[in-house]
Amino acid sequence: MSRITPLIALVTCLTLAIAATSPAEIIHVPGDQPTIQLAIGRAADGDTVLIAPDTYHEAIDFLGKSIVVGSRYVTTGDPACVDSTIIDGGGALGPLVTFGSGEDSLAVLAGVTVQHGDALNGGGVLCEWSSPRITACVLKSNKADHEGGGLYGWHSDFIVEGCRFESNVSDAGSGGGLGCRYGAPRIVESAFFDNTAQNTGGGIFCEHSSPVIRDNVIEENEGTSTYAGGIMSRNCDAVIVGNVISHNHTYGRGGGLFY
């Protein structure tokens, strides 16, 4: 985890800069709006939805807006805010966080824990035809029936940085921690622990895409079927560099990496 520490400082600078330079408002949850989704509905491009520490049993959609949605980590840089600000699906069906309306990198999810999501694809976070930024988040104990237990990207150039993916499951497909098809995502300085895919890519699965997978820690993930406990890259133009890949397992080929 020590390799991720420098990025946490970088992410802090990024999110602080977004909040500081925006001329628009900060909408507090629950102070100004009782739920995160109501705050997003009120927000305009450039706004920040700032979430107080608590557990929020809801699913949210960015609705195509270029906004920051995050915990008080955004303003304080305190990592304790990440663990204490939780979006919890409680077993309800559907992704917990959706980027599905053409969001770009100015749509930011920062410093929250996303857990107990359950969906066909992307139990925790779903990115479709969008390119958001997910920074300093924890995605844990999410499940997808098909692909991307923690996060799934479809035609998406999403950015994941300084995040932790833990104990996510792809129940009958690929990408226990993260899965993507048809995009150019950046997955950098994050950690993937104890994620499981029934098919391939226990930690990360990419197909027909151009991912950059750099300086991550990928440990103790499992592909319980054919290929790749750690990283599966199939039909990709991938850059995979500087990662620590250890103690991953598959019953087929490529315990750590199959390319």
Protein backbone atom coordinates (compact mmCIF):
# COMPACT_ATOMS: atom_id res chain seq x y z
CA MET A 1 0.00 0.00 0.00
CA SER A 2 2.96 2.30 0.47
CA ARG A 3 3.24 2.78 -3.30
CA ILE A 4 -0.21 4.37 -3.34
CA THR A 5 0.58 7.04 -0.74
CA PRO A 6 2.13 9.58 -3.17
CA LEU A 7 -0.98 9.49 -5.33
CA ILE A 8 -3.24 10.21 -2.35
CA ALA A 9 -1.44 13.53 -1.99
CA LEU A 10 -1.84 14.14 -5.73
CA VAL A 11 -5.53 13.32 -5.61
CA THR A 12 -5.95 15.65 -2.65
CA CYS A 13 -4.39 18.50 -4.65
CA LEU A 14 -6.61 17.70 -7.62
CA THR A 15 -9.88 17.63 -5.72
CA LEU A 16 -8.98 20.66 -3.64
CA ALA A 17 -8.16 22.54 -6.81
CA ILE A 18 -11.48 21.61 -8.39
CA ALA A 19 -13.38 22.79 -5.31
CA ALA A 20 -11.31 25.95 -4.91
CA THR A 21 -11.51 27.14 -8.50
CA SER A 22 -15.20 26.52 -9.00
CA PRO A 23 -17.25 29.72 -8.94
CA ALA A 24 -20.36 27.70 -8.14
CA GLU A 25 -21.71 26.37 -4.88
CA ILE A 26 -20.99 23.56 -2.46
CA ILE A 27 -24.13 21.56 -1.70
CA HIS A 28 -23.91 19.80 1.65
CA VAL A 29 -25.49 16.40 2.33
CA PRO A 30 -27.51 16.15 4.47
CA GLY A 31 -27.33 19.82 5.49
CA ASP A 32 -28.68 21.30 2.25
CA GLN A 33 -30.24 18.17 0.72
CA PRO A 34 -31.19 14.97 2.58
CA THR A 35 -29.83 12.57 -0.05
CA ILE A 36 -26.88 12.51 -2.43
CA GLN A 37 -29.14 12.10 -5.47
CA LEU A 38 -31.27 15.10 -4.57
CA ALA A 39 -28.08 17.13 -4.23
CA ILE A 40 -26.92 15.97 -7.65
CA GLY A 41 -30.30 16.94 -9.08
CA ARG A 42 -29.89 20.44 -7.72
CA ALA A 43 -26.25 20.81 -8.77
CA ALA A 44 -25.01 22.59 -11.87
CA ASP A 45 -21.74 22.08 -13.72
CA GLY A 46 -18.85 23.13 -11.51
CA ASP A 47 -20.66 22.48 -8.23
CA THR A 48 -19.44 20.20 -5.46
CA VAL A 49 -21.72 17.80 -3.60
CA LEU A 50 -20.02 17.43 -0.22
CA ILE A 51 -21.16 14.42 1.83
CA ALA A 52 -20.96 14.26 5.61
CA PRO A 53 -19.70 11.03 7.21
CA ASP A 54 -22.54 8.49 7.39
CA THR A 55 -23.95 5.48 5.57
CA TYR A 56 -26.26 6.36 2.67
CA HIS A 57 -28.54 3.61 1.42
CA GLU A 58 -29.10 4.84 -2.11
CA ALA A 59 -27.91 4.56 -5.70
CA ILE A 60 -26.78 7.68 -7.50
CA ASP A 61 -26.54 8.87 -11.11
CA PHE A 62 -24.38 11.82 -12.18
CA LEU A 63 -26.97 12.75 -14.85
CA GLY A 64 -24.28 13.95 -17.25
CA LYS A 65 -23.11 16.73 -14.94
CA SER A 66 -19.53 17.95 -14.54
CA ILE A 67 -19.59 18.00 -10.75
CA VAL A 68 -17.55 16.68 -7.85
CA VAL A 69 -19.34 14.25 -5.55
CA GLY A 70 -17.28 13.33 -2.53
CA SER A 71 -16.72 13.10 1.17
CA ARG A 72 -15.03 15.73 3.30
CA TYR A 73 -11.79 14.19 2.07
CA VAL A 74 -12.23 16.61 -0.83
CA THR A 75 -11.74 19.61 1.45
CA THR A 76 -9.62 18.15 4.28
CA GLY A 77 -7.48 15.45 2.68
CA ASP A 78 -8.25 13.23 5.70
CA PRO A 79 -8.33 9.57 4.58
CA ALA A 80 -10.55 8.69 7.56
CA CYS A 81 -13.38 10.44 5.69
CA VAL A 82 -13.21 7.78 2.97
CA ASP A 83 -13.96 4.90 5.32
CA SER A 84 -16.68 6.79 7.19
CA THR A 85 -18.61 8.07 4.15
CA ILE A 86 -20.36 5.07 2.65
CA ILE A 87 -22.76 4.48 -0.22
CA ASP A 88 -24.30 1.11 0.64
CA GLY A 89 -26.60 -0.81 -1.68
CA GLY A 90 -27.89 -3.17 0.97
CA GLY A 91 -28.41 -5.85 -1.66
CA ALA A 92 -30.67 -3.72 -3.90
CA LEU A 93 -30.27 -4.41 -7.62
CA GLY A 94 -28.49 -1.97 -9.91
CA PRO A 95 -25.14 -0.16 -9.88
CA LEU A 96 -24.63 2.11 -6.90
CA VAL A 97 -22.96 4.85 -8.96
CA THR A 98 -23.82 5.41 -12.63
CA PHE A 99 -22.03 7.51 -15.21
CA GLY A 100 -24.18 6.97 -18.27
CA SER A 101 -24.85 10.34 -19.87
CA GLY A 102 -21.57 11.29 -21.51
CA GLU A 103 -19.80 12.55 -18.39
CA ASP A 104 -16.20 13.68 -18.91
CA SER A 105 -13.23 13.89 -16.54
CA LEU A 106 -14.77 16.88 -14.75
CA ALA A 107 -17.32 14.45 -13.31
CA VAL A 108 -15.48 13.25 -10.20
CA LEU A 109 -16.33 10.71 -7.51
CA ALA A 110 -13.86 11.29 -4.69
CA GLY A 111 -13.13 9.87 -1.28
CA VAL A 112 -16.12 7.62 -0.63
CA THR A 113 -16.66 3.93 0.07
CA VAL A 114 -19.00 2.12 -2.33
CA GLN A 115 -20.17 -1.24 -1.03
CA HIS A 116 -22.79 -3.99 -1.38
CA GLY A 117 -23.84 -3.11 -4.92
CA ASP A 118 -25.41 -5.84 -7.05
CA ALA A 119 -25.95 -5.47 -10.82
CA LEU A 120 -25.68 -7.23 -14.15
CA ASN A 121 -22.47 -5.28 -14.88
CA GLY A 122 -20.66 -2.90 -12.55
CA GLY A 123 -22.06 -3.70 -9.13
CA GLY A 124 -20.32 -0.74 -7.55
CA VAL A 125 -19.75 1.73 -10.39
CA LEU A 126 -20.98 1.62 -13.99
CA CYS A 127 -19.43 3.82 -16.71
CA GLU A 128 -21.12 3.72 -20.13
CA TRP A 129 -20.07 6.06 -22.96
CA SER A 130 -18.51 8.31 -20.36
CA SER A 131 -15.08 9.29 -19.06
CA PRO A 132 -15.34 10.18 -15.37
CA ARG A 133 -12.65 10.30 -12.73
CA ILE A 134 -12.83 8.06 -9.65
CA THR A 135 -10.26 9.08 -7.06
CA ALA A 136 -9.32 7.92 -3.57
CA CYS A 137 -12.38 5.68 -3.28
CA VAL A 138 -12.89 2.24 -1.76
CA LEU A 139 -15.01 -0.23 -3.73
CA LYS A 140 -15.65 -3.36 -1.70
CA SER A 141 -18.01 -6.30 -1.46
CA ASN A 142 -19.83 -5.46 -4.68
CA LYS A 143 -21.14 -8.09 -7.09
CA ALA A 144 -21.85 -8.25 -10.80
CA ASP A 145 -23.71 -11.12 -12.39
CA HIS A 146 -21.58 -10.74 -15.51
CA GLU A 147 -18.64 -8.31 -15.58
CA GLY A 148 -16.96 -5.79 -13.30
CA GLY A 149 -17.90 -6.58 -9.73
CA GLY A 150 -16.42 -3.33 -8.43
CA LEU A 151 -16.49 -1.24 -11.61
CA TYR A 152 -17.39 -1.80 -15.25
CA GLY A 153 -16.63 0.43 -18.21
CA TRP A 154 -18.28 0.15 -21.63
CA HIS A 155 -16.97 2.50 -24.33
CA SER A 156 -15.53 4.52 -21.46
CA ASP A 157 -12.24 6.36 -20.95
CA PHE A 158 -12.63 6.46 -17.18
CA ILE A 159 -9.76 7.28 -14.82
CA VAL A 160 -9.25 5.33 -11.61
CA GLU A 161 -6.53 6.64 -9.31
CA GLY A 162 -5.60 5.99 -5.71
CA CYS A 163 -8.54 3.63 -5.15
CA ARG A 164 -8.88 0.30 -3.35
CA PHE A 165 -10.88 -2.61 -4.81
CA GLU A 166 -11.49 -5.31 -2.22
CA SER A 167 -13.62 -8.48 -2.07
CA ASN A 168 -15.64 -7.72 -5.19
CA VAL A 169 -17.09 -10.58 -7.24
CA SER A 170 -17.97 -11.26 -10.85
CA ASP A 171 -20.45 -14.05 -10.27
CA ALA A 172 -20.56 -15.62 -13.73
CA GLY A 173 -18.21 -13.55 -15.85
CA SER A 174 -14.95 -11.59 -15.78
CA GLY A 175 -13.29 -8.76 -13.90
CA GLY A 176 -13.96 -9.36 -10.23
CA GLY A 177 -12.49 -6.02 -9.24
CA LEU A 178 -12.79 -4.11 -12.52
CA GLY A 179 -13.82 -4.88 -16.07
CA CYS A 180 -13.81 -2.84 -19.27
CA ARG A 181 -14.53 -3.16 -22.97
CA TYR A 182 -14.05 -0.66 -25.80
CA GLY A 183 -12.33 2.29 -24.20
CA ALA A 184 -9.03 3.77 -23.09
CA PRO A 185 -9.20 3.77 -19.30
CA ARG A 186 -6.38 4.72 -16.96
CA ILE A 187 -6.02 2.57 -13.84
CA VAL A 188 -3.16 3.95 -11.78
CA GLU A 189 -1.68 3.65 -8.30
CA SER A 190 -4.62 1.67 -6.96
CA ALA A 191 -4.90 -1.60 -5.03
CA PHE A 192 -6.80 -4.77 -5.89
CA PHE A 193 -7.13 -7.30 -3.07
CA ASP A 194 -9.19 -10.50 -2.73
CA ASN A 195 -11.40 -9.97 -5.79
CA THR A 196 -12.88 -12.99 -7.58
CA ALA A 197 -14.10 -13.69 -11.11
CA GLN A 198 -15.90 -16.88 -11.98
CA ASN A 199 -14.39 -16.69 -15.46
CA THR A 200 -11.24 -14.58 -16.10
CA GLY A 201 -9.41 -11.64 -14.56
CA GLY A 202 -9.96 -11.84 -10.84
CA GLY A 203 -8.47 -8.40 -10.29
CA ILE A 204 -8.78 -6.65 -13.67
CA PHE A 205 -10.30 -7.71 -17.00
CA CYS A 206 -9.92 -5.67 -20.21
CA GLU A 207 -11.01 -6.59 -23.73
CA HIS A 208 -11.00 -4.67 -27.04
CA SER A 209 -9.60 -1.61 -25.28
CA SER A 210 -6.45 0.44 -24.76
CA PRO A 211 -5.94 0.58 -21.01
CA VAL A 212 -3.05 2.04 -19.08
CA ILE A 213 -2.54 -0.11 -15.98
CA ARG A 214 0.30 1.46 -14.05
CA ASP A 215 1.83 1.31 -10.56
CA ASN A 216 -0.93 -0.74 -8.95
CA VAL A 217 -0.78 -3.39 -6.25
CA ILE A 218 -2.64 -6.53 -7.36
CA GLU A 219 -2.62 -9.28 -4.74
CA GLU A 220 -4.62 -12.35 -3.72
CA ASN A 221 -7.19 -12.16 -6.50
CA GLU A 222 -8.66 -15.24 -8.13
CA GLY A 223 -10.01 -16.30 -11.50
CA THR A 224 -11.81 -19.51 -10.73
CA SER A 225 -12.07 -20.77 -14.31
CA THR A 226 -9.76 -20.38 -17.29
CA TYR A 227 -7.36 -17.42 -17.22
CA ALA A 228 -5.72 -14.77 -15.06
CA GLY A 229 -6.07 -14.45 -11.35
CA GLY A 230 -4.58 -10.95 -11.42
CA ILE A 231 -4.90 -9.18 -14.80
CA MET A 232 -6.52 -10.42 -18.01
CA SER A 233 -5.86 -8.34 -21.14
CA ARG A 234 -7.49 -9.79 -24.25
CA ASN A 235 -7.39 -8.22 -27.71
CA CYS A 236 -6.06 -5.00 -26.18
CA ASP A 237 -3.42 -2.43 -26.95
CA ALA A 238 -2.47 -2.23 -23.28
CA VAL A 239 0.28 -0.52 -21.32
CA ILE A 240 0.90 -2.59 -18.19
CA VAL A 241 3.89 -1.28 -16.26
CA GLY A 242 5.22 -0.84 -12.74
CA ASN A 243 2.64 -3.04 -11.02
CA VAL A 244 3.18 -5.36 -8.05
CA ILE A 245 1.36 -8.59 -8.98
CA SER A 246 1.59 -11.34 -6.38
CA HIS A 247 -0.25 -14.27 -4.80
CA ASN A 248 -2.99 -14.35 -7.42
CA HIS A 249 -4.52 -17.64 -8.51
CA THR A 250 -6.39 -19.27 -11.37
CA TYR A 251 -7.28 -22.84 -12.22
CA GLY A 252 -6.19 -22.22 -15.82
CA ARG A 253 -3.33 -20.12 -17.20
CA GLY A 254 -1.73 -16.93 -15.97
CA GLY A 255 -2.04 -16.77 -12.21
CA GLY A 256 -0.73 -13.21 -12.19
CA LEU A 257 -1.19 -11.97 -15.76
CA PHE A 258 -2.53 -13.34 -19.02
CA TYR A 259 -2.01 -11.17 -22.10
